[in-house]
Amino acid sequence: MNSFNDFWTWFNGAPLHIVIILVVSIATQQLGKRTIRRIVDRISRADLVPGPKNMANRQAERARTLGTVLTSTLNSAVWLIALFMMLGEFGLNLGPLIASAGVIGVALGLGAQTIVRDVLSGILMLIEDQYGVGDEVDVLDVKGKVEKVGLRITSVRAADGTLWYLRNGEILKVGNKSQVG
C-alpha cells in the first residue's frame, strides 16, 4: 500500500500534468480537424457562384486546399503550445527559450521571405480564383495549360510540351483565356 501512495504522490505532479496536456492536445487537434473538415465540405458543396459545373469543381478544390492549410496551421499551433507546456512541467525556464525562438523566427523569416511570399500569393490566388487546373493561361512569358495549382508552385504545360514550374510569388499578372466571357 505504501508503494502505491509513493507512486500516486509522484504521478500526481508533473507526469499527471503532462498526460493531461497530451490528452487535451489530441482532443483539440481532432476536434479542430473535424470542424475544419465539416466547414470545407459545406463550402465545397455550396453553390456560391452559380454557373457551369467546372466552377463548382474549382470551388471544391480551392476549399480543400484551404482546409489543408488550416489543418496544418492548427496542428502546428496545438503541438507547439503543448511542447512548451510540457517543458514548463519539467521545470525548464521558458523565458529564454521563447526569446531565442523569437530571434530564430525572425532570422528564418528573413531567410524564407520568398517562400512566405509564394505561399501567401498562392492562398490569395486560390481565394480570388484567378486560374485553376485545365485553364489556358498566359503567365510571365509562358503560355499553356495549367496542370497543377499548389500553394507555392503552379505548373503550366506549354504547347511544345515543356512543363513550367512557376513560383506564385513571382506571378505578377495572369491572362486566363478560359475565363474570357
N, C-alpha and C. Protein backbone atom coordinates (compact mmCIF):
# COMPACT_ATOMS: atom_id res chain seq x y z
N MET A 1 0.82 -1.19 0.00
CA MET A 1 0.00 0.00 0.00
C MET A 1 0.86 1.27 0.00
N ASN A 2 1.99 1.17 0.68
CA ASN A 2 2.89 2.31 0.76
C ASN A 2 3.48 2.64 -0.61
N SER A 3 3.79 1.60 -1.41
CA SER A 3 4.36 1.85 -2.73
C SER A 3 3.34 2.52 -3.66
N PHE A 4 2.06 2.17 -3.52
CA PHE A 4 1.03 2.83 -4.33
C PHE A 4 0.93 4.31 -3.94
N ASN A 5 0.99 4.60 -2.65
CA ASN A 5 0.93 6.00 -2.21
C ASN A 5 2.15 6.78 -2.70
N ASP A 6 3.30 6.12 -2.68
CA ASP A 6 4.50 6.78 -3.21
C ASP A 6 4.36 7.04 -4.71
N PHE A 7 3.85 6.04 -5.44
CA PHE A 7 3.63 6.21 -6.88
C PHE A 7 2.63 7.32 -7.13
N TRP A 8 1.53 7.34 -6.39
CA TRP A 8 0.50 8.35 -6.61
C TRP A 8 1.03 9.74 -6.29
N THR A 9 1.84 9.86 -5.26
CA THR A 9 2.44 11.15 -4.91
C THR A 9 3.34 11.64 -6.04
N TRP A 10 4.13 10.71 -6.61
CA TRP A 10 4.99 11.08 -7.74
C TRP A 10 4.17 11.41 -8.97
N PHE A 11 3.19 10.56 -9.30
CA PHE A 11 2.40 10.72 -10.53
C PHE A 11 1.50 11.94 -10.48
N ASN A 12 1.09 12.34 -9.28
CA ASN A 12 0.15 13.45 -9.12
C ASN A 12 0.78 14.79 -9.49
N GLY A 13 2.07 14.84 -9.69
CA GLY A 13 2.75 16.08 -10.05
C GLY A 13 2.86 16.25 -11.56
N ALA A 14 4.09 16.40 -12.02
CA ALA A 14 4.37 16.67 -13.43
C ALA A 14 3.87 15.57 -14.38
N PRO A 15 4.02 14.27 -14.07
CA PRO A 15 3.54 13.25 -15.01
C PRO A 15 2.04 13.36 -15.30
N LEU A 16 1.24 13.61 -14.27
CA LEU A 16 -0.20 13.76 -14.49
C LEU A 16 -0.49 14.98 -15.35
N HIS A 17 0.20 16.07 -15.09
CA HIS A 17 0.00 17.29 -15.89
C HIS A 17 0.38 17.05 -17.35
N ILE A 18 1.45 16.30 -17.59
CA ILE A 18 1.88 16.02 -18.96
C ILE A 18 0.85 15.14 -19.66
N VAL A 19 0.32 14.15 -18.95
CA VAL A 19 -0.73 13.30 -19.54
C VAL A 19 -1.95 14.15 -19.89
N ILE A 20 -2.33 15.05 -19.00
CA ILE A 20 -3.48 15.92 -19.26
C ILE A 20 -3.20 16.82 -20.47
N ILE A 21 -2.00 17.36 -20.55
CA ILE A 21 -1.63 18.20 -21.70
C ILE A 21 -1.74 17.40 -23.00
N LEU A 22 -1.22 16.17 -23.00
CA LEU A 22 -1.29 15.33 -24.20
C LEU A 22 -2.74 15.01 -24.59
N VAL A 23 -3.56 14.66 -23.60
CA VAL A 23 -4.96 14.32 -23.89
C VAL A 23 -5.70 15.53 -24.44
N VAL A 24 -5.51 16.69 -23.81
CA VAL A 24 -6.18 17.91 -24.28
C VAL A 24 -5.68 18.30 -25.67
N SER A 25 -4.39 18.13 -25.92
CA SER A 25 -3.83 18.45 -27.24
C SER A 25 -4.42 17.55 -28.32
N ILE A 26 -4.47 16.25 -28.05
CA ILE A 26 -5.04 15.32 -29.03
C ILE A 26 -6.50 15.62 -29.27
N ALA A 27 -7.25 15.89 -28.19
CA ALA A 27 -8.67 16.21 -28.34
C ALA A 27 -8.87 17.50 -29.13
N THR A 28 -8.06 18.50 -28.85
CA THR A 28 -8.15 19.78 -29.57
C THR A 28 -7.83 19.59 -31.05
N GLN A 29 -6.79 18.81 -31.32
CA GLN A 29 -6.41 18.55 -32.70
C GLN A 29 -7.53 17.82 -33.45
N GLN A 30 -8.09 16.78 -32.85
CA GLN A 30 -9.15 16.01 -33.51
C GLN A 30 -10.41 16.86 -33.70
N LEU A 31 -10.79 17.62 -32.68
CA LEU A 31 -11.98 18.48 -32.78
C LEU A 31 -11.78 19.56 -33.85
N GLY A 32 -10.57 20.15 -33.87
CA GLY A 32 -10.28 21.16 -34.88
C GLY A 32 -10.29 20.60 -36.29
N LYS A 33 -9.67 19.40 -36.47
CA LYS A 33 -9.68 18.76 -37.79
C LYS A 33 -11.10 18.46 -38.25
N ARG A 34 -11.91 17.96 -37.33
CA ARG A 34 -13.30 17.63 -37.66
C ARG A 34 -14.09 18.88 -38.03
N THR A 35 -13.89 19.95 -37.27
CA THR A 35 -14.59 21.21 -37.56
C THR A 35 -14.16 21.77 -38.91
N ILE A 36 -12.86 21.78 -39.18
CA ILE A 36 -12.36 22.28 -40.46
C ILE A 36 -12.90 21.43 -41.60
N ARG A 37 -12.90 20.10 -41.43
CA ARG A 37 -13.40 19.20 -42.48
C ARG A 37 -14.88 19.47 -42.76
N ARG A 38 -15.67 19.68 -41.70
CA ARG A 38 -17.11 19.97 -41.90
C ARG A 38 -17.31 21.30 -42.64
N ILE A 39 -16.55 22.30 -42.25
CA ILE A 39 -16.69 23.61 -42.90
C ILE A 39 -16.27 23.51 -44.37
N VAL A 40 -15.16 22.82 -44.63
CA VAL A 40 -14.67 22.67 -46.01
C VAL A 40 -15.69 21.89 -46.84
N ASP A 41 -16.25 20.82 -46.28
CA ASP A 41 -17.27 20.05 -47.01
C ASP A 41 -18.48 20.92 -47.32
N ARG A 42 -18.90 21.71 -46.36
CA ARG A 42 -20.08 22.57 -46.56
C ARG A 42 -19.79 23.62 -47.64
N ILE A 43 -18.60 24.21 -47.59
CA ILE A 43 -18.24 25.23 -48.59
C ILE A 43 -18.11 24.60 -49.97
N SER A 44 -17.50 23.41 -50.04
CA SER A 44 -17.28 22.78 -51.35
C SER A 44 -18.59 22.32 -51.98
N ARG A 45 -19.62 22.02 -51.17
CA ARG A 45 -20.91 21.59 -51.71
C ARG A 45 -21.85 22.76 -51.98
N ALA A 46 -21.59 23.90 -51.36
CA ALA A 46 -22.48 25.05 -51.54
C ALA A 46 -22.32 25.62 -52.94
N ASP A 47 -23.40 26.11 -53.48
CA ASP A 47 -23.37 26.73 -54.82
C ASP A 47 -23.22 28.24 -54.63
N LEU A 48 -21.99 28.65 -54.29
CA LEU A 48 -21.74 30.06 -54.01
C LEU A 48 -21.76 30.91 -55.26
N VAL A 49 -21.28 30.34 -56.36
CA VAL A 49 -21.22 31.06 -57.62
C VAL A 49 -22.00 30.25 -58.65
N PRO A 50 -23.25 30.63 -58.93
CA PRO A 50 -24.00 29.87 -59.92
C PRO A 50 -23.31 29.93 -61.27
N GLY A 51 -23.32 28.81 -61.97
CA GLY A 51 -22.67 28.78 -63.28
C GLY A 51 -22.36 27.37 -63.69
N PRO A 52 -21.40 27.22 -64.60
CA PRO A 52 -21.06 25.90 -65.10
C PRO A 52 -20.52 24.98 -64.01
N LYS A 53 -20.58 23.68 -64.30
CA LYS A 53 -20.16 22.66 -63.34
C LYS A 53 -18.67 22.78 -62.99
N ASN A 54 -17.83 23.20 -63.97
CA ASN A 54 -16.40 23.28 -63.68
C ASN A 54 -16.10 24.34 -62.62
N MET A 55 -16.96 25.36 -62.48
CA MET A 55 -16.77 26.36 -61.44
C MET A 55 -16.99 25.74 -60.07
N ALA A 56 -17.99 24.84 -59.95
CA ALA A 56 -18.24 24.15 -58.68
C ALA A 56 -17.06 23.25 -58.33
N ASN A 57 -16.48 22.59 -59.33
CA ASN A 57 -15.32 21.74 -59.08
C ASN A 57 -14.13 22.57 -58.60
N ARG A 58 -13.94 23.72 -59.22
CA ARG A 58 -12.84 24.60 -58.81
C ARG A 58 -13.06 25.12 -57.40
N GLN A 59 -14.30 25.44 -57.08
CA GLN A 59 -14.63 25.91 -55.74
C GLN A 59 -14.32 24.82 -54.71
N ALA A 60 -14.67 23.58 -55.02
CA ALA A 60 -14.39 22.47 -54.11
C ALA A 60 -12.88 22.26 -53.95
N GLU A 61 -12.14 22.38 -55.04
CA GLU A 61 -10.69 22.21 -54.98
C GLU A 61 -10.05 23.31 -54.14
N ARG A 62 -10.50 24.54 -54.31
CA ARG A 62 -9.96 25.65 -53.51
C ARG A 62 -10.28 25.46 -52.04
N ALA A 63 -11.51 25.02 -51.74
CA ALA A 63 -11.90 24.81 -50.35
C ALA A 63 -11.05 23.72 -49.70
N ARG A 64 -10.80 22.63 -50.44
CA ARG A 64 -9.96 21.55 -49.89
C ARG A 64 -8.53 22.03 -49.65
N THR A 65 -7.99 22.82 -50.55
CA THR A 65 -6.63 23.33 -50.37
C THR A 65 -6.53 24.23 -49.15
N LEU A 66 -7.50 25.12 -48.99
CA LEU A 66 -7.50 26.00 -47.82
C LEU A 66 -7.73 25.20 -46.55
N GLY A 67 -8.53 24.13 -46.62
CA GLY A 67 -8.73 23.26 -45.47
C GLY A 67 -7.44 22.60 -45.04
N THR A 68 -6.64 22.18 -46.00
CA THR A 68 -5.34 21.57 -45.70
C THR A 68 -4.43 22.57 -45.01
N VAL A 69 -4.42 23.79 -45.49
CA VAL A 69 -3.59 24.84 -44.88
C VAL A 69 -4.04 25.11 -43.45
N LEU A 70 -5.36 25.21 -43.24
CA LEU A 70 -5.87 25.47 -41.89
C LEU A 70 -5.56 24.32 -40.94
N THR A 71 -5.70 23.09 -41.42
CA THR A 71 -5.41 21.92 -40.58
C THR A 71 -3.94 21.88 -40.19
N SER A 72 -3.06 22.14 -41.14
CA SER A 72 -1.62 22.16 -40.83
C SER A 72 -1.28 23.25 -39.83
N THR A 73 -1.88 24.41 -39.99
CA THR A 73 -1.63 25.52 -39.07
C THR A 73 -2.13 25.17 -37.67
N LEU A 74 -3.32 24.58 -37.60
CA LEU A 74 -3.87 24.17 -36.30
C LEU A 74 -2.96 23.16 -35.62
N ASN A 75 -2.55 22.13 -36.36
CA ASN A 75 -1.68 21.10 -35.78
C ASN A 75 -0.38 21.69 -35.27
N SER A 76 0.23 22.57 -36.05
CA SER A 76 1.48 23.20 -35.63
C SER A 76 1.29 24.01 -34.35
N ALA A 77 0.24 24.79 -34.30
CA ALA A 77 0.00 25.64 -33.12
C ALA A 77 -0.28 24.79 -31.88
N VAL A 78 -1.14 23.77 -32.01
CA VAL A 78 -1.50 22.93 -30.86
C VAL A 78 -0.27 22.24 -30.29
N TRP A 79 0.54 21.63 -31.15
CA TRP A 79 1.68 20.86 -30.65
C TRP A 79 2.83 21.75 -30.19
N LEU A 80 2.97 22.93 -30.75
CA LEU A 80 3.99 23.86 -30.25
C LEU A 80 3.62 24.32 -28.85
N ILE A 81 2.36 24.68 -28.64
CA ILE A 81 1.91 25.09 -27.31
C ILE A 81 2.04 23.93 -26.32
N ALA A 82 1.65 22.73 -26.74
CA ALA A 82 1.76 21.55 -25.86
C ALA A 82 3.22 21.29 -25.49
N LEU A 83 4.12 21.40 -26.45
CA LEU A 83 5.54 21.19 -26.18
C LEU A 83 6.05 22.18 -25.14
N PHE A 84 5.72 23.45 -25.31
CA PHE A 84 6.16 24.45 -24.34
C PHE A 84 5.57 24.19 -22.96
N MET A 85 4.31 23.78 -22.91
CA MET A 85 3.68 23.49 -21.62
C MET A 85 4.36 22.28 -20.95
N MET A 86 4.70 21.25 -21.73
CA MET A 86 5.36 20.08 -21.16
C MET A 86 6.77 20.43 -20.68
N LEU A 87 7.48 21.25 -21.45
CA LEU A 87 8.82 21.67 -21.00
C LEU A 87 8.72 22.48 -19.71
N GLY A 88 7.67 23.28 -19.58
CA GLY A 88 7.44 24.03 -18.35
C GLY A 88 7.20 23.10 -17.17
N GLU A 89 6.53 21.97 -17.40
CA GLU A 89 6.29 20.98 -16.33
C GLU A 89 7.59 20.34 -15.86
N PHE A 90 8.58 20.27 -16.70
CA PHE A 90 9.88 19.71 -16.32
C PHE A 90 10.74 20.75 -15.58
N GLY A 91 10.19 21.95 -15.41
CA GLY A 91 10.92 22.98 -14.67
C GLY A 91 11.83 23.83 -15.54
N LEU A 92 11.73 23.70 -16.86
CA LEU A 92 12.58 24.48 -17.75
C LEU A 92 12.08 25.92 -17.79
N ASN A 93 12.98 26.86 -17.65
CA ASN A 93 12.64 28.28 -17.72
C ASN A 93 12.36 28.62 -19.19
N LEU A 94 11.11 28.93 -19.50
CA LEU A 94 10.71 29.13 -20.88
C LEU A 94 11.02 30.52 -21.42
N GLY A 95 11.29 31.48 -20.55
CA GLY A 95 11.58 32.85 -21.00
C GLY A 95 12.71 32.92 -22.01
N PRO A 96 13.90 32.43 -21.67
CA PRO A 96 15.00 32.46 -22.64
C PRO A 96 14.72 31.63 -23.89
N LEU A 97 14.01 30.51 -23.72
CA LEU A 97 13.70 29.66 -24.86
C LEU A 97 12.76 30.37 -25.84
N ILE A 98 11.75 31.05 -25.30
CA ILE A 98 10.81 31.78 -26.16
C ILE A 98 11.52 32.96 -26.82
N ALA A 99 12.39 33.64 -26.08
CA ALA A 99 13.15 34.77 -26.67
C ALA A 99 14.05 34.27 -27.79
N SER A 100 14.71 33.12 -27.56
CA SER A 100 15.57 32.55 -28.61
C SER A 100 14.75 32.13 -29.81
N ALA A 101 13.58 31.55 -29.55
CA ALA A 101 12.71 31.15 -30.66
C ALA A 101 12.27 32.37 -31.46
N GLY A 102 12.04 33.49 -30.77
CA GLY A 102 11.67 34.71 -31.48
C GLY A 102 12.78 35.20 -32.38
N VAL A 103 14.00 35.17 -31.89
CA VAL A 103 15.16 35.62 -32.69
C VAL A 103 15.35 34.67 -33.87
N ILE A 104 15.26 33.36 -33.61
CA ILE A 104 15.40 32.38 -34.69
C ILE A 104 14.27 32.54 -35.70
N GLY A 105 13.06 32.81 -35.21
CA GLY A 105 11.93 33.02 -36.10
C GLY A 105 12.12 34.22 -37.02
N VAL A 106 12.68 35.30 -36.46
CA VAL A 106 12.96 36.49 -37.29
C VAL A 106 14.01 36.15 -38.34
N ALA A 107 15.06 35.44 -37.93
CA ALA A 107 16.12 35.07 -38.88
C ALA A 107 15.57 34.16 -39.98
N LEU A 108 14.76 33.17 -39.59
CA LEU A 108 14.15 32.29 -40.60
C LEU A 108 13.19 33.06 -41.49
N GLY A 109 12.44 33.99 -40.88
CA GLY A 109 11.51 34.79 -41.66
C GLY A 109 12.21 35.62 -42.71
N LEU A 110 13.36 36.20 -42.34
CA LEU A 110 14.12 36.98 -43.31
C LEU A 110 14.69 36.08 -44.39
N GLY A 111 15.14 34.89 -44.00
CA GLY A 111 15.72 33.96 -44.97
C GLY A 111 14.68 33.30 -45.85
N ALA A 112 13.47 33.17 -45.35
CA ALA A 112 12.43 32.45 -46.08
C ALA A 112 11.36 33.39 -46.63
N GLN A 113 11.74 34.64 -46.87
CA GLN A 113 10.77 35.61 -47.37
C GLN A 113 10.12 35.17 -48.67
N THR A 114 10.91 34.60 -49.56
CA THR A 114 10.35 34.20 -50.85
C THR A 114 9.34 33.06 -50.70
N ILE A 115 9.63 32.13 -49.79
CA ILE A 115 8.69 31.03 -49.57
C ILE A 115 7.39 31.56 -48.98
N VAL A 116 7.50 32.45 -48.00
CA VAL A 116 6.31 33.05 -47.39
C VAL A 116 5.53 33.84 -48.44
N ARG A 117 6.22 34.60 -49.25
CA ARG A 117 5.55 35.38 -50.30
C ARG A 117 4.86 34.45 -51.30
N ASP A 118 5.52 33.35 -51.67
CA ASP A 118 4.93 32.39 -52.61
C ASP A 118 3.66 31.77 -52.02
N VAL A 119 3.71 31.37 -50.76
CA VAL A 119 2.55 30.72 -50.12
C VAL A 119 1.40 31.71 -49.96
N LEU A 120 1.70 32.93 -49.50
CA LEU A 120 0.64 33.93 -49.35
C LEU A 120 0.02 34.27 -50.71
N SER A 121 0.85 34.39 -51.73
CA SER A 121 0.33 34.66 -53.07
C SER A 121 -0.54 33.50 -53.54
N GLY A 122 -0.11 32.25 -53.23
CA GLY A 122 -0.90 31.08 -53.61
C GLY A 122 -2.25 31.05 -52.92
N ILE A 123 -2.27 31.40 -51.63
CA ILE A 123 -3.55 31.43 -50.90
C ILE A 123 -4.47 32.49 -51.50
N LEU A 124 -3.94 33.69 -51.75
CA LEU A 124 -4.77 34.76 -52.33
C LEU A 124 -5.23 34.40 -53.73
N MET A 125 -4.35 33.75 -54.51
CA MET A 125 -4.72 33.34 -55.86
C MET A 125 -5.87 32.35 -55.82
N LEU A 126 -5.83 31.41 -54.87
CA LEU A 126 -6.92 30.44 -54.74
C LEU A 126 -8.22 31.11 -54.32
N ILE A 127 -8.13 32.02 -53.35
CA ILE A 127 -9.33 32.71 -52.88
C ILE A 127 -9.95 33.53 -54.00
N GLU A 128 -9.13 34.21 -54.78
CA GLU A 128 -9.62 35.07 -55.85
C GLU A 128 -9.99 34.30 -57.11
N ASP A 129 -9.66 33.01 -57.18
CA ASP A 129 -9.95 32.15 -58.33
C ASP A 129 -9.41 32.76 -59.62
N GLN A 130 -8.12 33.10 -59.62
CA GLN A 130 -7.51 33.69 -60.80
C GLN A 130 -7.37 32.68 -61.92
N TYR A 131 -7.05 31.43 -61.59
CA TYR A 131 -6.96 30.35 -62.56
C TYR A 131 -7.04 29.03 -61.83
N GLY A 132 -7.27 27.97 -62.57
CA GLY A 132 -7.37 26.65 -61.98
C GLY A 132 -6.83 25.61 -62.93
N VAL A 133 -6.84 24.35 -62.49
CA VAL A 133 -6.35 23.25 -63.31
C VAL A 133 -7.19 23.17 -64.58
N GLY A 134 -6.50 23.08 -65.73
CA GLY A 134 -7.17 22.98 -67.02
C GLY A 134 -7.35 24.30 -67.75
N ASP A 135 -7.11 25.42 -67.08
CA ASP A 135 -7.26 26.72 -67.72
C ASP A 135 -6.10 26.99 -68.67
N GLU A 136 -6.40 27.68 -69.76
CA GLU A 136 -5.38 28.16 -70.70
C GLU A 136 -4.95 29.54 -70.21
N VAL A 137 -3.67 29.67 -69.87
CA VAL A 137 -3.19 30.91 -69.28
C VAL A 137 -1.96 31.44 -70.01
N ASP A 138 -1.74 32.72 -69.80
CA ASP A 138 -0.55 33.42 -70.28
C ASP A 138 0.07 34.04 -69.03
N VAL A 139 1.13 33.40 -68.51
CA VAL A 139 1.76 33.82 -67.26
C VAL A 139 3.23 34.11 -67.53
N LEU A 140 3.67 35.28 -67.10
CA LEU A 140 5.04 35.71 -67.36
C LEU A 140 5.30 35.56 -68.86
N ASP A 141 6.27 34.76 -69.29
CA ASP A 141 6.49 34.54 -70.72
C ASP A 141 6.08 33.14 -71.13
N VAL A 142 5.21 32.50 -70.34
CA VAL A 142 4.76 31.13 -70.58
C VAL A 142 3.29 31.14 -70.97
N LYS A 143 2.98 30.43 -72.06
CA LYS A 143 1.59 30.25 -72.48
C LYS A 143 1.32 28.76 -72.49
N GLY A 144 0.23 28.35 -71.85
CA GLY A 144 -0.08 26.94 -71.84
C GLY A 144 -1.25 26.62 -70.93
N LYS A 145 -1.39 25.32 -70.62
CA LYS A 145 -2.50 24.82 -69.82
C LYS A 145 -2.00 24.53 -68.40
N VAL A 146 -2.76 24.99 -67.41
CA VAL A 146 -2.41 24.76 -66.01
C VAL A 146 -2.63 23.28 -65.69
N GLU A 147 -1.56 22.62 -65.20
CA GLU A 147 -1.66 21.21 -64.83
C GLU A 147 -1.83 21.02 -63.33
N LYS A 148 -1.21 21.89 -62.55
CA LYS A 148 -1.29 21.75 -61.09
C LYS A 148 -1.20 23.12 -60.46
N VAL A 149 -2.04 23.34 -59.45
CA VAL A 149 -2.02 24.58 -58.69
C VAL A 149 -1.73 24.23 -57.24
N GLY A 150 -0.62 24.71 -56.73
CA GLY A 150 -0.26 24.49 -55.33
C GLY A 150 -0.17 25.82 -54.62
N LEU A 151 0.07 25.76 -53.33
CA LEU A 151 0.19 27.00 -52.57
C LEU A 151 1.46 27.75 -52.90
N ARG A 152 2.51 27.03 -53.30
CA ARG A 152 3.79 27.68 -53.59
C ARG A 152 4.12 27.70 -55.06
N ILE A 153 3.74 26.66 -55.79
CA ILE A 153 4.14 26.49 -57.19
C ILE A 153 2.90 26.22 -58.05
N THR A 154 2.91 26.79 -59.25
CA THR A 154 1.90 26.47 -60.27
C THR A 154 2.64 25.83 -61.44
N SER A 155 2.11 24.71 -61.94
CA SER A 155 2.72 24.01 -63.07
C SER A 155 1.90 24.29 -64.33
N VAL A 156 2.57 24.75 -65.38
CA VAL A 156 1.92 25.07 -66.65
C VAL A 156 2.62 24.30 -67.77
N ARG A 157 1.84 23.59 -68.59
CA ARG A 157 2.37 22.83 -69.73
C ARG A 157 2.24 23.71 -70.97
N ALA A 158 3.37 24.03 -71.58
CA ALA A 158 3.39 24.86 -72.79
C ALA A 158 2.98 24.01 -73.99
N ALA A 159 2.70 24.67 -75.11
CA ALA A 159 2.27 23.98 -76.33
C ALA A 159 3.34 23.03 -76.86
N ASP A 160 4.62 23.34 -76.63
CA ASP A 160 5.69 22.48 -77.11
C ASP A 160 5.96 21.29 -76.18
N GLY A 161 5.17 21.16 -75.09
CA GLY A 161 5.30 20.04 -74.17
C GLY A 161 6.14 20.32 -72.94
N THR A 162 6.75 21.47 -72.87
CA THR A 162 7.57 21.83 -71.71
C THR A 162 6.68 22.09 -70.51
N LEU A 163 7.06 21.50 -69.37
CA LEU A 163 6.33 21.75 -68.13
C LEU A 163 7.07 22.82 -67.34
N TRP A 164 6.40 23.95 -67.14
CA TRP A 164 6.99 25.08 -66.43
C TRP A 164 6.49 25.10 -65.00
N TYR A 165 7.41 25.30 -64.05
CA TYR A 165 7.07 25.45 -62.64
C TYR A 165 7.24 26.92 -62.28
N LEU A 166 6.15 27.57 -61.96
CA LEU A 166 6.16 29.00 -61.68
C LEU A 166 5.89 29.25 -60.21
N ARG A 167 6.76 30.00 -59.56
CA ARG A 167 6.52 30.36 -58.16
C ARG A 167 5.41 31.38 -58.10
N ASN A 168 4.43 31.15 -57.23
CA ASN A 168 3.27 32.02 -57.15
C ASN A 168 3.63 33.45 -56.76
N GLY A 169 4.68 33.64 -55.97
CA GLY A 169 5.10 34.97 -55.57
C GLY A 169 5.69 35.78 -56.70
N GLU A 170 6.13 35.12 -57.78
CA GLU A 170 6.72 35.80 -58.93
C GLU A 170 5.69 36.14 -60.00
N ILE A 171 4.49 35.60 -59.88
CA ILE A 171 3.45 35.84 -60.89
C ILE A 171 2.79 37.17 -60.57
N LEU A 172 3.07 38.17 -61.40
CA LEU A 172 2.53 39.50 -61.17
C LEU A 172 1.28 39.76 -62.00
N LYS A 173 1.17 39.10 -63.15
CA LYS A 173 -0.04 39.25 -63.95
C LYS A 173 -0.31 37.94 -64.68
N VAL A 174 -1.59 37.64 -64.83
CA VAL A 174 -2.02 36.39 -65.45
C VAL A 174 -3.10 36.70 -66.46
N GLY A 175 -2.96 36.13 -67.65
CA GLY A 175 -4.03 36.18 -68.64
C GLY A 175 -4.70 34.81 -68.67
N ASN A 176 -6.00 34.74 -68.38
CA ASN A 176 -6.70 33.46 -68.33
C ASN A 176 -7.68 33.42 -69.49
N LYS A 177 -7.33 32.64 -70.53
CA LYS A 177 -8.17 32.54 -71.73
C LYS A 177 -9.44 31.75 -71.45
N SER A 178 -9.45 30.93 -70.39
CA SER A 178 -10.62 30.11 -70.07
C SER A 178 -11.70 30.90 -69.37
N GLN A 179 -11.38 32.05 -68.82
CA GLN A 179 -12.37 32.85 -68.10
C GLN A 179 -12.87 34.04 -68.92
N VAL A 180 -12.52 34.06 -70.20
CA VAL A 180 -12.99 35.16 -71.06
C VAL A 180 -14.49 35.02 -71.22
N GLY A 181 -15.20 36.07 -71.03
CA GLY A 181 -16.65 35.94 -71.14
C GLY A 181 -17.36 37.18 -71.30
